[in-house]
Amino acid sequence: MENLYIPATQYTPEIKLDAKNALIEIRGKSYPENTFEFYAPVMQWLEEYLRCCLKDKLTVNMEIIYFNSSSSKLFFDLFDMLDEVKDKADITVNWIFDAENESAEEAGEDFVEDFEGLKINLVRK
């Protein structure tokens, strides 16, 4: 399976989807004009990866500085996809936030509450 890389812009995060290393990284700001259109290739890649290539483990590092409500909905959908396959592999989500960014920390706490069965680590930096 091919990796997917999307460079960051002023409104969108850097996204690295690495099938060989079982690593997903999303870093930066997320408030694209059309969130679901922007993330469509990411969600398609993830769906295919989870169906055909998920092995022993998957690590997801998310360091989102700022995101809008439609990005929040999309992240919820992403976590929901991971939650559905959590029994097939060791899936770890690292929600990385700056110690001074209370809204990012609170968002991470909300995701932990919403997905109790998914291993989501809140990582303060």
PDB file of N, CA and C in Angstrom:
ATOM      1  N   MET A   1       0.847  -1.182   0.000  1.00  0.00           N
ATOM      2  CA  MET A   1       0.000   0.000   0.000  1.00  0.00           C
ATOM      3  C   MET A   1       0.888   1.239   0.000  1.00  0.00           C
ATOM      4  N   GLU A   2       0.517   2.212  -0.800  1.00  0.00           N
ATOM      5  CA  GLU A   2       1.272   3.453  -0.904  1.00  0.00           C
ATOM      6  C   GLU A   2       1.063   4.330   0.331  1.00  0.00           C
ATOM      7  N   ASN A   3       2.108   5.041   0.720  1.00  0.00           N
ATOM      8  CA  ASN A   3       1.982   6.039   1.774  1.00  0.00           C
ATOM      9  C   ASN A   3       1.279   7.263   1.204  1.00  0.00           C
ATOM     10  N   LEU A   4       0.772   8.092   2.083  1.00  0.00           N
ATOM     11  CA  LEU A   4       0.138   9.341   1.668  1.00  0.00           C
ATOM     12  C   LEU A   4       0.756  10.471   2.472  1.00  0.00           C
ATOM     13  N   TYR A   5       1.159  11.520   1.768  1.00  0.00           N
ATOM     14  CA  TYR A   5       1.714  12.699   2.435  1.00  0.00           C
ATOM     15  C   TYR A   5       1.012  13.934   1.897  1.00  0.00           C
ATOM     16  N   ILE A   6       0.535  14.762   2.814  1.00  0.00           N
ATOM     17  CA  ILE A   6      -0.094  16.037   2.456  1.00  0.00           C
ATOM     18  C   ILE A   6       0.618  17.117   3.258  1.00  0.00           C
ATOM     19  N   PRO A   7       1.297  18.053   2.567  1.00  0.00           N
ATOM     20  CA  PRO A   7       2.012  19.106   3.299  1.00  0.00           C
ATOM     21  C   PRO A   7       1.045  20.081   3.975  1.00  0.00           C
ATOM     22  N   ALA A   8       1.520  20.699   5.037  1.00  0.00           N
ATOM     23  CA  ALA A   8       0.715  21.689   5.761  1.00  0.00           C
ATOM     24  C   ALA A   8       0.540  22.949   4.924  1.00  0.00           C
ATOM     25  N   THR A   9      -0.573  23.613   5.153  1.00  0.00           N
ATOM     26  CA  THR A   9      -0.809  24.944   4.596  1.00  0.00           C
ATOM     27  C   THR A   9      -1.199  25.841   5.770  1.00  0.00           C
ATOM     28  N   GLN A  10      -1.556  27.052   5.460  1.00  0.00           N
ATOM     29  CA  GLN A  10      -1.986  27.984   6.501  1.00  0.00           C
ATOM     30  C   GLN A  10      -3.233  27.468   7.229  1.00  0.00           C
ATOM     31  N   TYR A  11      -4.073  26.702   6.506  1.00  0.00           N
ATOM     32  CA  TYR A  11      -5.356  26.269   7.057  1.00  0.00           C
ATOM     33  C   TYR A  11      -5.464  24.764   7.295  1.00  0.00           C
ATOM     34  N   THR A  12      -4.458  24.017   6.866  1.00  0.00           N
ATOM     35  CA  THR A  12      -4.547  22.556   6.958  1.00  0.00           C
ATOM     36  C   THR A  12      -3.279  21.965   7.561  1.00  0.00           C
ATOM     37  N   PRO A  13      -3.417  20.832   8.239  1.00  0.00           N
ATOM     38  CA  PRO A  13      -2.258  20.225   8.893  1.00  0.00           C
ATOM     39  C   PRO A  13      -1.388  19.417   7.934  1.00  0.00           C
ATOM     40  N   GLU A  14      -0.181  19.155   8.379  1.00  0.00           N
ATOM     41  CA  GLU A  14       0.675  18.201   7.679  1.00  0.00           C
ATOM     42  C   GLU A  14       0.156  16.811   8.042  1.00  0.00           C
ATOM     43  N   ILE A  15       0.026  15.969   7.029  1.00  0.00           N
ATOM     44  CA  ILE A  15      -0.497  14.627   7.246  1.00  0.00           C
ATOM     45  C   ILE A  15       0.458  13.612   6.638  1.00  0.00           C
ATOM     46  N   LYS A  16       0.873  12.659   7.462  1.00  0.00           N
ATOM     47  CA  LYS A  16       1.745  11.571   7.013  1.00  0.00           C
ATOM     48  C   LYS A  16       1.056  10.258   7.353  1.00  0.00           C
ATOM     49  N   LEU A  17       0.742   9.488   6.330  1.00  0.00           N
ATOM     50  CA  LEU A  17       0.139   8.181   6.513  1.00  0.00           C
ATOM     51  C   LEU A  17       1.140   7.157   5.993  1.00  0.00           C
ATOM     52  N   ASP A  18       1.738   6.413   6.902  1.00  0.00           N
ATOM     53  CA  ASP A  18       2.846   5.516   6.601  1.00  0.00           C
ATOM     54  C   ASP A  18       2.416   4.069   6.877  1.00  0.00           C
ATOM     55  N   ALA A  19       2.074   3.361   5.819  1.00  0.00           N
ATOM     56  CA  ALA A  19       1.581   1.991   5.959  1.00  0.00           C
ATOM     57  C   ALA A  19       2.664   1.045   6.472  1.00  0.00           C
ATOM     58  N   LYS A  20       3.871   1.162   5.938  1.00  0.00           N
ATOM     59  CA  LYS A  20       4.952   0.239   6.301  1.00  0.00           C
ATOM     60  C   LYS A  20       5.279   0.321   7.790  1.00  0.00           C
ATOM     61  N   ASN A  21       5.310   1.529   8.336  1.00  0.00           N
ATOM     62  CA  ASN A  21       5.662   1.726   9.741  1.00  0.00           C
ATOM     63  C   ASN A  21       4.446   1.815  10.661  1.00  0.00           C
ATOM     64  N   ALA A  22       3.256   1.595  10.114  1.00  0.00           N
ATOM     65  CA  ALA A  22       2.013   1.629  10.904  1.00  0.00           C
ATOM     66  C   ALA A  22       1.926   2.916  11.724  1.00  0.00           C
ATOM     67  N   LEU A  23       2.081   4.034  11.025  1.00  0.00           N
ATOM     68  CA  LEU A  23       2.137   5.338  11.690  1.00  0.00           C
ATOM     69  C   LEU A  23       1.299   6.367  10.935  1.00  0.00           C
ATOM     70  N   ILE A  24       0.479   7.061  11.689  1.00  0.00           N
ATOM     71  CA  ILE A  24      -0.311   8.169  11.157  1.00  0.00           C
ATOM     72  C   ILE A  24       0.050   9.396  11.967  1.00  0.00           C
ATOM     73  N   GLU A  25       0.410  10.488  11.282  1.00  0.00           N
ATOM     74  CA  GLU A  25       0.724  11.742  11.962  1.00  0.00           C
ATOM     75  C   GLU A  25      -0.067  12.878  11.330  1.00  0.00           C
ATOM     76  N   ILE A  26      -0.726  13.626  12.176  1.00  0.00           N
ATOM     77  CA  ILE A  26      -1.482  14.806  11.744  1.00  0.00           C
ATOM     78  C   ILE A  26      -1.062  15.936  12.665  1.00  0.00           C
ATOM     79  N   ARG A  27      -0.424  16.966  12.083  1.00  0.00           N
ATOM     80  CA  ARG A  27       0.135  18.047  12.898  1.00  0.00           C
ATOM     81  C   ARG A  27      -0.160  19.420  12.275  1.00  0.00           C
ATOM     82  N   GLY A  28      -0.641  20.325  13.115  1.00  0.00           N
ATOM     83  CA  GLY A  28      -0.844  21.701  12.659  1.00  0.00           C
ATOM     84  C   GLY A  28      -2.253  22.188  12.913  1.00  0.00           C
ATOM     85  N   LYS A  29      -2.667  23.150  12.121  1.00  0.00           N
ATOM     86  CA  LYS A  29      -4.002  23.741  12.224  1.00  0.00           C
ATOM     87  C   LYS A  29      -4.936  23.035  11.252  1.00  0.00           C
ATOM     88  N   SER A  30      -6.197  22.921  11.632  1.00  0.00           N
ATOM     89  CA  SER A  30      -7.162  22.261  10.765  1.00  0.00           C
ATOM     90  C   SER A  30      -8.455  23.057  10.703  1.00  0.00           C
ATOM     91  N   TYR A  31      -8.501  23.946   9.724  1.00  0.00           N
ATOM     92  CA  TYR A  31      -9.763  24.634   9.436  1.00  0.00           C
ATOM     93  C   TYR A  31      -9.865  24.923   7.942  1.00  0.00           C
ATOM     94  N   PRO A  32      -9.851  23.827   7.146  1.00  0.00           N
ATOM     95  CA  PRO A  32      -9.984  24.001   5.700  1.00  0.00           C
ATOM     96  C   PRO A  32     -11.369  24.516   5.332  1.00  0.00           C
ATOM     97  N   GLU A  33     -11.462  25.084   4.146  1.00  0.00           N
ATOM     98  CA  GLU A  33     -12.739  25.613   3.677  1.00  0.00           C
ATOM     99  C   GLU A  33     -13.781  24.500   3.599  1.00  0.00           C
ATOM    100  N   ASN A  34     -13.391  23.350   3.072  1.00  0.00           N
ATOM    101  CA  ASN A  34     -14.282  22.200   3.011  1.00  0.00           C
ATOM    102  C   ASN A  34     -13.575  21.015   3.666  1.00  0.00           C
ATOM    103  N   THR A  35     -13.831  20.836   4.937  1.00  0.00           N
ATOM    104  CA  THR A  35     -13.125  19.838   5.740  1.00  0.00           C
ATOM    105  C   THR A  35     -13.241  18.433   5.158  1.00  0.00           C
ATOM    106  N   PHE A  36     -14.461  18.018   4.830  1.00  0.00           N
ATOM    107  CA  PHE A  36     -14.650  16.638   4.396  1.00  0.00           C
ATOM    108  C   PHE A  36     -14.034  16.393   3.026  1.00  0.00           C
ATOM    109  N   GLU A  37     -14.017  17.402   2.193  1.00  0.00           N
ATOM    110  CA  GLU A  37     -13.347  17.276   0.893  1.00  0.00           C
ATOM    111  C   GLU A  37     -11.830  17.176   1.096  1.00  0.00           C
ATOM    112  N   PHE A  38     -11.287  18.020   1.962  1.00  0.00           N
ATOM    113  CA  PHE A  38      -9.852  17.991   2.227  1.00  0.00           C
ATOM    114  C   PHE A  38      -9.411  16.636   2.782  1.00  0.00           C
ATOM    115  N   TYR A  39     -10.168  16.115   3.746  1.00  0.00           N
ATOM    116  CA  TYR A  39      -9.781  14.874   4.416  1.00  0.00           C
ATOM    117  C   TYR A  39     -10.233  13.611   3.674  1.00  0.00           C
ATOM    118  N   ALA A  40     -10.955  13.738   2.570  1.00  0.00           N
ATOM    119  CA  ALA A  40     -11.449  12.553   1.847  1.00  0.00           C
ATOM    120  C   ALA A  40     -10.336  11.564   1.509  1.00  0.00           C
ATOM    121  N   PRO A  41      -9.188  12.009   0.962  1.00  0.00           N
ATOM    122  CA  PRO A  41      -8.130  11.033   0.658  1.00  0.00           C
ATOM    123  C   PRO A  41      -7.573  10.363   1.925  1.00  0.00           C
ATOM    124  N   VAL A  42      -7.553  11.082   3.019  1.00  0.00           N
ATOM    125  CA  VAL A  42      -7.066  10.540   4.289  1.00  0.00           C
ATOM    126  C   VAL A  42      -8.006   9.437   4.767  1.00  0.00           C
ATOM    127  N   MET A  43      -9.297   9.714   4.744  1.00  0.00           N
ATOM    128  CA  MET A  43     -10.273   8.735   5.220  1.00  0.00           C
ATOM    129  C   MET A  43     -10.317   7.517   4.295  1.00  0.00           C
ATOM    130  N   GLN A  44     -10.173   7.735   2.988  1.00  0.00           N
ATOM    131  CA  GLN A  44     -10.134   6.611   2.051  1.00  0.00           C
ATOM    132  C   GLN A  44      -8.900   5.755   2.299  1.00  0.00           C
ATOM    133  N   TRP A  45      -7.751   6.399   2.506  1.00  0.00           N
ATOM    134  CA  TRP A  45      -6.513   5.670   2.784  1.00  0.00           C
ATOM    135  C   TRP A  45      -6.685   4.854   4.064  1.00  0.00           C
ATOM    136  N   LEU A  46      -7.212   5.486   5.112  1.00  0.00           N
ATOM    137  CA  LEU A  46      -7.373   4.804   6.393  1.00  0.00           C
ATOM    138  C   LEU A  46      -8.327   3.627   6.273  1.00  0.00           C
ATOM    139  N   GLU A  47      -9.417   3.815   5.573  1.00  0.00           N
ATOM    140  CA  GLU A  47     -10.380   2.729   5.386  1.00  0.00           C
ATOM    141  C   GLU A  47      -9.719   1.530   4.693  1.00  0.00           C
ATOM    142  N   GLU A  48      -8.966   1.797   3.638  1.00  0.00           N
ATOM    143  CA  GLU A  48      -8.272   0.720   2.931  1.00  0.00           C
ATOM    144  C   GLU A  48      -7.208   0.080   3.828  1.00  0.00           C
ATOM    145  N   TYR A  49      -6.450   0.906   4.530  1.00  0.00           N
ATOM    146  CA  TYR A  49      -5.404   0.399   5.415  1.00  0.00           C
ATOM    147  C   TYR A  49      -5.991  -0.518   6.487  1.00  0.00           C
ATOM    148  N   LEU A  50      -7.064  -0.091   7.119  1.00  0.00           N
ATOM    149  CA  LEU A  50      -7.671  -0.887   8.185  1.00  0.00           C
ATOM    150  C   LEU A  50      -8.245  -2.195   7.641  1.00  0.00           C
ATOM    151  N   ARG A  51      -8.698  -2.168   6.402  1.00  0.00           N
ATOM    152  CA  ARG A  51      -9.287  -3.357   5.792  1.00  0.00           C
ATOM    153  C   ARG A  51      -8.213  -4.360   5.354  1.00  0.00           C
ATOM    154  N   CYS A  52      -7.137  -3.875   4.761  1.00  0.00           N
ATOM    155  CA  CYS A  52      -6.189  -4.807   4.136  1.00  0.00           C
ATOM    156  C   CYS A  52      -4.846  -4.931   4.832  1.00  0.00           C
ATOM    157  N   CYS A  53      -4.430  -3.943   5.555  1.00  0.00           N
ATOM    158  CA  CYS A  53      -3.021  -3.888   5.950  1.00  0.00           C
ATOM    159  C   CYS A  53      -2.764  -3.793   7.443  1.00  0.00           C
ATOM    160  N   LEU A  54      -3.776  -3.576   8.244  1.00  0.00           N
ATOM    161  CA  LEU A  54      -3.579  -3.468   9.687  1.00  0.00           C
ATOM    162  C   LEU A  54      -3.055  -4.786  10.228  1.00  0.00           C
ATOM    163  N   LYS A  55      -1.921  -4.732  10.914  1.00  0.00           N
ATOM    164  CA  LYS A  55      -1.297  -5.951  11.445  1.00  0.00           C
ATOM    165  C   LYS A  55      -1.352  -5.931  12.969  1.00  0.00           C
ATOM    166  N   ASP A  56      -0.197  -5.845  13.591  1.00  0.00           N
ATOM    167  CA  ASP A  56      -0.103  -5.943  15.045  1.00  0.00           C
ATOM    168  C   ASP A  56      -0.396  -4.647  15.771  1.00  0.00           C
ATOM    169  N   LYS A  57       0.022  -3.525  15.169  1.00  0.00           N
ATOM    170  CA  LYS A  57      -0.124  -2.261  15.888  1.00  0.00           C
ATOM    171  C   LYS A  57      -0.295  -1.108  14.912  1.00  0.00           C
ATOM    172  N   LEU A  58      -0.793  -0.006  15.451  1.00  0.00           N
ATOM    173  CA  LEU A  58      -0.927   1.238  14.709  1.00  0.00           C
ATOM    174  C   LEU A  58      -0.775   2.369  15.713  1.00  0.00           C
ATOM    175  N   THR A  59       0.079   3.335  15.374  1.00  0.00           N
ATOM    176  CA  THR A  59       0.256   4.508  16.219  1.00  0.00           C
ATOM    177  C   THR A  59      -0.260   5.730  15.464  1.00  0.00           C
ATOM    178  N   VAL A  60      -1.058   6.521  16.149  1.00  0.00           N
ATOM    179  CA  VAL A  60      -1.612   7.747  15.577  1.00  0.00           C
ATOM    180  C   VAL A  60      -1.162   8.901  16.456  1.00  0.00           C
ATOM    181  N   ASN A  61      -0.376   9.803  15.881  1.00  0.00           N
ATOM    182  CA  ASN A  61       0.074  11.002  16.598  1.00  0.00           C
ATOM    183  C   ASN A  61      -0.679  12.199  16.041  1.00  0.00           C
ATOM    184  N   MET A  62      -1.456  12.842  16.904  1.00  0.00           N
ATOM    185  CA  MET A  62      -2.221  14.022  16.485  1.00  0.00           C
ATOM    186  C   MET A  62      -1.799  15.212  17.337  1.00  0.00           C
ATOM    187  N   GLU A  63      -1.239  16.196  16.667  1.00  0.00           N
ATOM    188  CA  GLU A  63      -0.831  17.424  17.337  1.00  0.00           C
ATOM    189  C   GLU A  63      -1.519  18.585  16.628  1.00  0.00           C
ATOM    190  N   ILE A  64      -2.754  18.812  17.014  1.00  0.00           N
ATOM    191  CA  ILE A  64      -3.581  19.819  16.365  1.00  0.00           C
ATOM    192  C   ILE A  64      -3.585  21.075  17.228  1.00  0.00           C
ATOM    193  N   ILE A  65      -3.048  22.130  16.683  1.00  0.00           N
ATOM    194  CA  ILE A  65      -2.932  23.393  17.416  1.00  0.00           C
ATOM    195  C   ILE A  65      -4.288  24.073  17.535  1.00  0.00           C
ATOM    196  N   TYR A  66      -5.021  24.066  16.432  1.00  0.00           N
ATOM    197  CA  TYR A  66      -6.339  24.688  16.385  1.00  0.00           C
ATOM    198  C   TYR A  66      -7.161  23.929  15.361  1.00  0.00           C
ATOM    199  N   PHE A  67      -8.453  23.727  15.649  1.00  0.00           N
ATOM    200  CA  PHE A  67      -9.330  23.121  14.649  1.00  0.00           C
ATOM    201  C   PHE A  67     -10.748  23.629  14.822  1.00  0.00           C
ATOM    202  N   ASN A  68     -11.474  23.628  13.696  1.00  0.00           N
ATOM    203  CA  ASN A  68     -12.850  24.106  13.712  1.00  0.00           C
ATOM    204  C   ASN A  68     -13.801  22.943  14.005  1.00  0.00           C
ATOM    205  N   SER A  69     -15.089  23.249  14.100  1.00  0.00           N
ATOM    206  CA  SER A  69     -16.057  22.228  14.496  1.00  0.00           C
ATOM    207  C   SER A  69     -16.198  21.128  13.454  1.00  0.00           C
ATOM    208  N   SER A  70     -16.078  21.445  12.175  1.00  0.00           N
ATOM    209  CA  SER A  70     -16.188  20.383  11.178  1.00  0.00           C
ATOM    210  C   SER A  70     -14.965  19.467  11.227  1.00  0.00           C
ATOM    211  N   SER A  71     -13.797  19.998  11.583  1.00  0.00           N
ATOM    212  CA  SER A  71     -12.620  19.140  11.774  1.00  0.00           C
ATOM    213  C   SER A  71     -12.827  18.242  12.982  1.00  0.00           C
ATOM    214  N   SER A  72     -13.445  18.767  14.026  1.00  0.00           N
ATOM    215  CA  SER A  72     -13.733  17.975  15.216  1.00  0.00           C
ATOM    216  C   SER A  72     -14.623  16.791  14.854  1.00  0.00           C
ATOM    217  N   LYS A  73     -15.626  17.033  14.038  1.00  0.00           N
ATOM    218  CA  LYS A  73     -16.531  15.963  13.588  1.00  0.00           C
ATOM    219  C   LYS A  73     -15.748  14.930  12.789  1.00  0.00           C
ATOM    220  N   LEU A  74     -14.861  15.388  11.940  1.00  0.00           N
ATOM    221  CA  LEU A  74     -14.066  14.465  11.145  1.00  0.00           C
ATOM    222  C   LEU A  74     -13.142  13.634  12.033  1.00  0.00           C
ATOM    223  N   PHE A  75     -12.507  14.255  13.025  1.00  0.00           N
ATOM    224  CA  PHE A  75     -11.644  13.509  13.947  1.00  0.00           C
ATOM    225  C   PHE A  75     -12.469  12.459  14.704  1.00  0.00           C
ATOM    226  N   PHE A  76     -13.699  12.825  15.060  1.00  0.00           N
ATOM    227  CA  PHE A  76     -14.593  11.873  15.708  1.00  0.00           C
ATOM    228  C   PHE A  76     -14.810  10.668  14.795  1.00  0.00           C
ATOM    229  N   ASP A  77     -15.063  10.928  13.510  1.00  0.00           N
ATOM    230  CA  ASP A  77     -15.265   9.842  12.547  1.00  0.00           C
ATOM    231  C   ASP A  77     -14.010   8.985  12.416  1.00  0.00           C
ATOM    232  N   LEU A  78     -12.849   9.625  12.417  1.00  0.00           N
ATOM    233  CA  LEU A  78     -11.584   8.910  12.328  1.00  0.00           C
ATOM    234  C   LEU A  78     -11.408   7.999  13.549  1.00  0.00           C
ATOM    235  N   PHE A  79     -11.644   8.539  14.733  1.00  0.00           N
ATOM    236  CA  PHE A  79     -11.530   7.739  15.950  1.00  0.00           C
ATOM    237  C   PHE A  79     -12.558   6.606  15.961  1.00  0.00           C
ATOM    238  N   ASP A  80     -13.725   6.869  15.409  1.00  0.00           N
ATOM    239  CA  ASP A  80     -14.762   5.847  15.329  1.00  0.00           C
ATOM    240  C   ASP A  80     -14.285   4.677  14.462  1.00  0.00           C
ATOM    241  N   MET A  81     -13.628   4.978  13.349  1.00  0.00           N
ATOM    242  CA  MET A  81     -13.079   3.926  12.490  1.00  0.00           C
ATOM    243  C   MET A  81     -12.033   3.107  13.249  1.00  0.00           C
ATOM    244  N   LEU A  82     -11.192   3.782  14.006  1.00  0.00           N
ATOM    245  CA  LEU A  82     -10.171   3.084  14.786  1.00  0.00           C
ATOM    246  C   LEU A  82     -10.814   2.236  15.884  1.00  0.00           C
ATOM    247  N   ASP A  83     -11.841   2.779  16.506  1.00  0.00           N
ATOM    248  CA  ASP A  83     -12.527   2.078  17.580  1.00  0.00           C
ATOM    249  C   ASP A  83     -13.145   0.766  17.081  1.00  0.00           C
ATOM    250  N   GLU A  84     -13.617   0.766  15.849  1.00  0.00           N
ATOM    251  CA  GLU A  84     -14.247  -0.427  15.285  1.00  0.00           C
ATOM    252  C   GLU A  84     -13.270  -1.584  15.107  1.00  0.00           C
ATOM    253  N   VAL A  85     -11.973  -1.288  14.976  1.00  0.00           N
ATOM    254  CA  VAL A  85     -10.978  -2.347  14.730  1.00  0.00           C
ATOM    255  C   VAL A  85     -10.000  -2.507  15.894  1.00  0.00           C
ATOM    256  N   LYS A  86     -10.303  -1.919  17.030  1.00  0.00           N
ATOM    257  CA  LYS A  86      -9.362  -1.926  18.161  1.00  0.00           C
ATOM    258  C   LYS A  86      -9.044  -3.325  18.671  1.00  0.00           C
ATOM    259  N   ASP A  87      -9.911  -4.292  18.395  1.00  0.00           N
ATOM    260  CA  ASP A  87      -9.661  -5.654  18.846  1.00  0.00           C
ATOM    261  C   ASP A  87      -8.755  -6.428  17.891  1.00  0.00           C
ATOM    262  N   LYS A  88      -8.470  -5.865  16.733  1.00  0.00           N
ATOM    263  CA  LYS A  88      -7.631  -6.545  15.738  1.00  0.00           C
ATOM    264  C   LYS A  88      -6.152  -6.207  15.870  1.00  0.00           C
ATOM    265  N   ALA A  89      -5.839  -5.119  16.564  1.00  0.00           N
ATOM    266  CA  ALA A  89      -4.449  -4.670  16.687  1.00  0.00           C
ATOM    267  C   ALA A  89      -4.314  -3.765  17.896  1.00  0.00           C
ATOM    268  N   ASP A  90      -3.067  -3.512  18.275  1.00  0.00           N
ATOM    269  CA  ASP A  90      -2.767  -2.582  19.362  1.00  0.00           C
ATOM    270  C   ASP A  90      -2.746  -1.175  18.766  1.00  0.00           C
ATOM    271  N   ILE A  91      -3.817  -0.440  18.957  1.00  0.00           N
ATOM    272  CA  ILE A  91      -3.940   0.911  18.399  1.00  0.00           C
ATOM    273  C   ILE A  91      -3.735   1.916  19.513  1.00  0.00           C
ATOM    274  N   THR A  92      -2.785   2.823  19.298  1.00  0.00           N
ATOM    275  CA  THR A  92      -2.501   3.875  20.268  1.00  0.00           C
ATOM    276  C   THR A  92      -2.647   5.227  19.589  1.00  0.00           C
ATOM    277  N   VAL A  93      -3.445   6.086  20.197  1.00  0.00           N
ATOM    278  CA  VAL A  93      -3.589   7.457  19.723  1.00  0.00           C
ATOM    279  C   VAL A  93      -2.901   8.358  20.741  1.00  0.00           C
ATOM    280  N   ASN A  94      -1.964   9.169  20.277  1.00  0.00           N
ATOM    281  CA  ASN A  94      -1.310  10.172  21.117  1.00  0.00           C
ATOM    282  C   ASN A  94      -1.863  11.538  20.730  1.00  0.00           C
ATOM    283  N   TRP A  95      -2.651  12.119  21.623  1.00  0.00           N
ATOM    284  CA  TRP A  95      -3.212  13.461  21.414  1.00  0.00           C
ATOM    285  C   TRP A  95      -2.223  14.430  22.061  1.00  0.00           C
ATOM    286  N   ILE A  96      -1.436  15.099  21.245  1.00  0.00           N
ATOM    287  CA  ILE A  96      -0.330  15.934  21.710  1.00  0.00           C
ATOM    288  C   ILE A  96      -0.785  17.392  21.721  1.00  0.00           C
ATOM    289  N   PHE A  97      -0.573  18.069  22.848  1.00  0.00           N
ATOM    290  CA  PHE A  97      -1.013  19.453  22.952  1.00  0.00           C
ATOM    291  C   PHE A  97      -0.010  20.267  23.761  1.00  0.00           C
ATOM    292  N   ASP A  98       0.038  21.533  23.472  1.00  0.00           N
ATOM    293  CA  ASP A  98       0.878  22.456  24.215  1.00  0.00           C
ATOM    294  C   ASP A  98       0.250  22.687  25.581  1.00  0.00           C
ATOM    295  N   ALA A  99       1.063  22.751  26.615  1.00  0.00           N
ATOM    296  CA  ALA A  99       0.570  22.925  27.979  1.00  0.00           C
ATOM    297  C   ALA A  99      -0.299  24.170  28.136  1.00  0.00           C
ATOM    298  N   GLU A 100      -0.082  25.170  27.307  1.00  0.00           N
ATOM    299  CA  GLU A 100      -0.838  26.425  27.407  1.00  0.00           C
ATOM    300  C   GLU A 100      -2.089  26.445  26.539  1.00  0.00           C
ATOM    301  N   ASN A 101      -2.337  25.354  25.797  1.00  0.00           N
ATOM    302  CA  ASN A 101      -3.482  25.300  24.899  1.00  0.00           C
ATOM    303  C   ASN A 101      -4.607  24.491  25.555  1.00  0.00           C
ATOM    304  N   GLU A 102      -5.394  25.174  26.384  1.00  0.00           N
ATOM    305  CA  GLU A 102      -6.450  24.506  27.133  1.00  0.00           C
ATOM    306  C   GLU A 102      -7.511  23.894  26.239  1.00  0.00           C
ATOM    307  N   SER A 103      -7.848  24.558  25.130  1.00  0.00           N
ATOM    308  CA  SER A 103      -8.904  24.028  24.264  1.00  0.00           C
ATOM    309  C   SER A 103      -8.469  22.720  23.609  1.00  0.00           C
ATOM    310  N   ALA A 104      -7.196  22.603  23.234  1.00  0.00           N
ATOM    311  CA  ALA A 104      -6.704  21.343  22.658  1.00  0.00           C
ATOM    312  C   ALA A 104      -6.712  20.245  23.714  1.00  0.00           C
ATOM    313  N   GLU A 105      -6.343  20.591  24.941  1.00  0.00           N
ATOM    314  CA  GLU A 105      -6.362  19.606  26.020  1.00  0.00           C
ATOM    315  C   GLU A 105      -7.792  19.135  26.290  1.00  0.00           C
ATOM    316  N   GLU A 106      -8.728  20.074  26.355  1.00  0.00           N
ATOM    317  CA  GLU A 106     -10.123  19.726  26.607  1.00  0.00           C
ATOM    318  C   GLU A 106     -10.696  18.871  25.487  1.00  0.00           C
ATOM    319  N   ALA A 107     -10.314  19.168  24.244  1.00  0.00           N
ATOM    320  CA  ALA A 107     -10.775  18.357  23.112  1.00  0.00           C
ATOM    321  C   ALA A 107     -10.266  16.929  23.253  1.00  0.00           C
ATOM    322  N   GLY A 108      -9.008  16.784  23.623  1.00  0.00           N
ATOM    323  CA  GLY A 108      -8.445  15.455  23.846  1.00  0.00           C
ATOM    324  C   GLY A 108      -9.193  14.719  24.944  1.00  0.00           C
ATOM    325  N   GLU A 109      -9.509  15.415  26.026  1.00  0.00           N
ATOM    326  CA  GLU A 109     -10.261  14.801  27.127  1.00  0.00           C
ATOM    327  C   GLU A 109     -11.638  14.343  26.654  1.00  0.00           C
ATOM    328  N   ASP A 110     -12.264  15.147  25.792  1.00  0.00           N
ATOM    329  CA  ASP A 110     -13.575  14.769  25.244  1.00  0.00           C
ATOM    330  C   ASP A 110     -13.465  13.495  24.413  1.00  0.00           C
ATOM    331  N   PHE A 111     -12.416  13.392  23.594  1.00  0.00           N
ATOM    332  CA  PHE A 111     -12.236  12.194  22.781  1.00  0.00           C
ATOM    333  C   PHE A 111     -11.980  10.971  23.664  1.00  0.00           C
ATOM    334  N   VAL A 112     -11.244  11.145  24.743  1.00  0.00           N
ATOM    335  CA  VAL A 112     -11.001  10.042  25.685  1.00  0.00           C
ATOM    336  C   VAL A 112     -12.333   9.557  26.252  1.00  0.00           C
ATOM    337  N   GLU A 113     -13.208  10.493  26.621  1.00  0.00           N
ATOM    338  CA  GLU A 113     -14.521  10.138  27.165  1.00  0.00           C
ATOM    339  C   GLU A 113     -15.393   9.457  26.124  1.00  0.00           C
ATOM    340  N   ASP A 114     -15.353   9.956  24.893  1.00  0.00           N
ATOM    341  CA  ASP A 114     -16.203   9.414  23.828  1.00  0.00           C
ATOM    342  C   ASP A 114     -15.759   8.022  23.382  1.00  0.00           C
ATOM    343  N   PHE A 115     -14.468   7.743  23.498  1.00  0.00           N
ATOM    344  CA  PHE A 115     -13.928   6.470  23.019  1.00  0.00           C
ATOM    345  C   PHE A 115     -13.174   5.769  24.145  1.00  0.00           C
ATOM    346  N   GLU A 116     -13.921   5.345  25.153  1.00  0.00           N
ATOM    347  CA  GLU A 116     -13.328   4.739  26.344  1.00  0.00           C
ATOM    348  C   GLU A 116     -12.525   3.482  26.026  1.00  0.00           C
ATOM    349  N   GLY A 117     -12.923   2.737  25.005  1.00  0.00           N
ATOM    350  CA  GLY A 117     -12.232   1.489  24.664  1.00  0.00           C
ATOM    351  C   GLY A 117     -11.001   1.681  23.811  1.00  0.00           C
ATOM    352  N   LEU A 118     -10.766   2.882  23.343  1.00  0.00           N
ATOM    353  CA  LEU A 118      -9.621   3.186  22.504  1.00  0.00           C
ATOM    354  C   LEU A 118      -8.517   3.778  23.382  1.00  0.00           C
ATOM    355  N   LYS A 119      -7.289   3.345  23.150  1.00  0.00           N
ATOM    356  CA  LYS A 119      -6.172   3.845  23.954  1.00  0.00           C
ATOM    357  C   LYS A 119      -5.762   5.221  23.421  1.00  0.00           C
ATOM    358  N   ILE A 120      -6.210   6.261  24.111  1.00  0.00           N
ATOM    359  CA  ILE A 120      -5.865   7.638  23.743  1.00  0.00           C
ATOM    360  C   ILE A 120      -5.047   8.236  24.878  1.00  0.00           C
ATOM    361  N   ASN A 121      -3.802   8.558  24.572  1.00  0.00           N
ATOM    362  CA  ASN A 121      -2.909   9.192  25.548  1.00  0.00           C
ATOM    363  C   ASN A 121      -2.933  10.691  25.356  1.00  0.00           C
ATOM    364  N   LEU A 122      -3.136  11.430  26.442  1.00  0.00           N
ATOM    365  CA  LEU A 122      -3.039  12.887  26.397  1.00  0.00           C
ATOM    366  C   LEU A 122      -1.587  13.227  26.704  1.00  0.00           C
ATOM    367  N   VAL A 123      -0.913  13.824  25.734  1.00  0.00           N
ATOM    368  CA  VAL A 123       0.516  14.097  25.850  1.00  0.00           C
ATOM    369  C   VAL A 123       0.736  15.607  25.897  1.00  0.00           C
ATOM    370  N   ARG A 124       1.078  16.121  27.080  1.00  0.00           N
ATOM    371  CA  ARG A 124       1.343  17.544  27.249  1.00  0.00           C
ATOM    372  C   ARG A 124       2.782  17.802  26.882  1.00  0.00           C
ATOM    373  N   LYS A 125       3.025  18.858  26.090  1.00  0.00           N
ATOM    374  CA  LYS A 125       4.426  19.179  25.745  1.00  0.00           C
ATOM    375  C   LYS A 125       4.769  20.591  26.144  1.00  0.00           C
TER     376      LYS A 125
END
